[in-house]
Amino acid sequence: MRGKVGQQMIFVYILQSVSDKGYYIGITKDLDSRIVKHNSGSVYSTKNRRPLRLVYKEGVGDYKTTRSREIEIKSYKGGNKFKELIDM
């Protein structure tokens, strides 16, 4: 997926822990390999919460915009907006 011409898409994503049902929100350029890293235990913040499943992804565009969207989604956590987002 690409944003502007020649620009690689950056994704904001939400993973849910199958074991504790908690969520992890992050950003990446390579979603598939990032999920593999999370589930292999290579990511410190999620290694004890495996397995994880992708519940939401959004291709945003440039890093600054994607980071802003990540912060916005984190502010939704636990509220109705967050539930609506992951139930889409």
Foldseek 3Di string as FASTA:
>chain_A
DADPVPHQWKKWWWKAQPVPRDIDIDIGSDVVVVLVCLQVLVDPVRNVRDDIDTQAMDGDHDPVRNVVVSVVLVVCPPHPVVVVRSVD
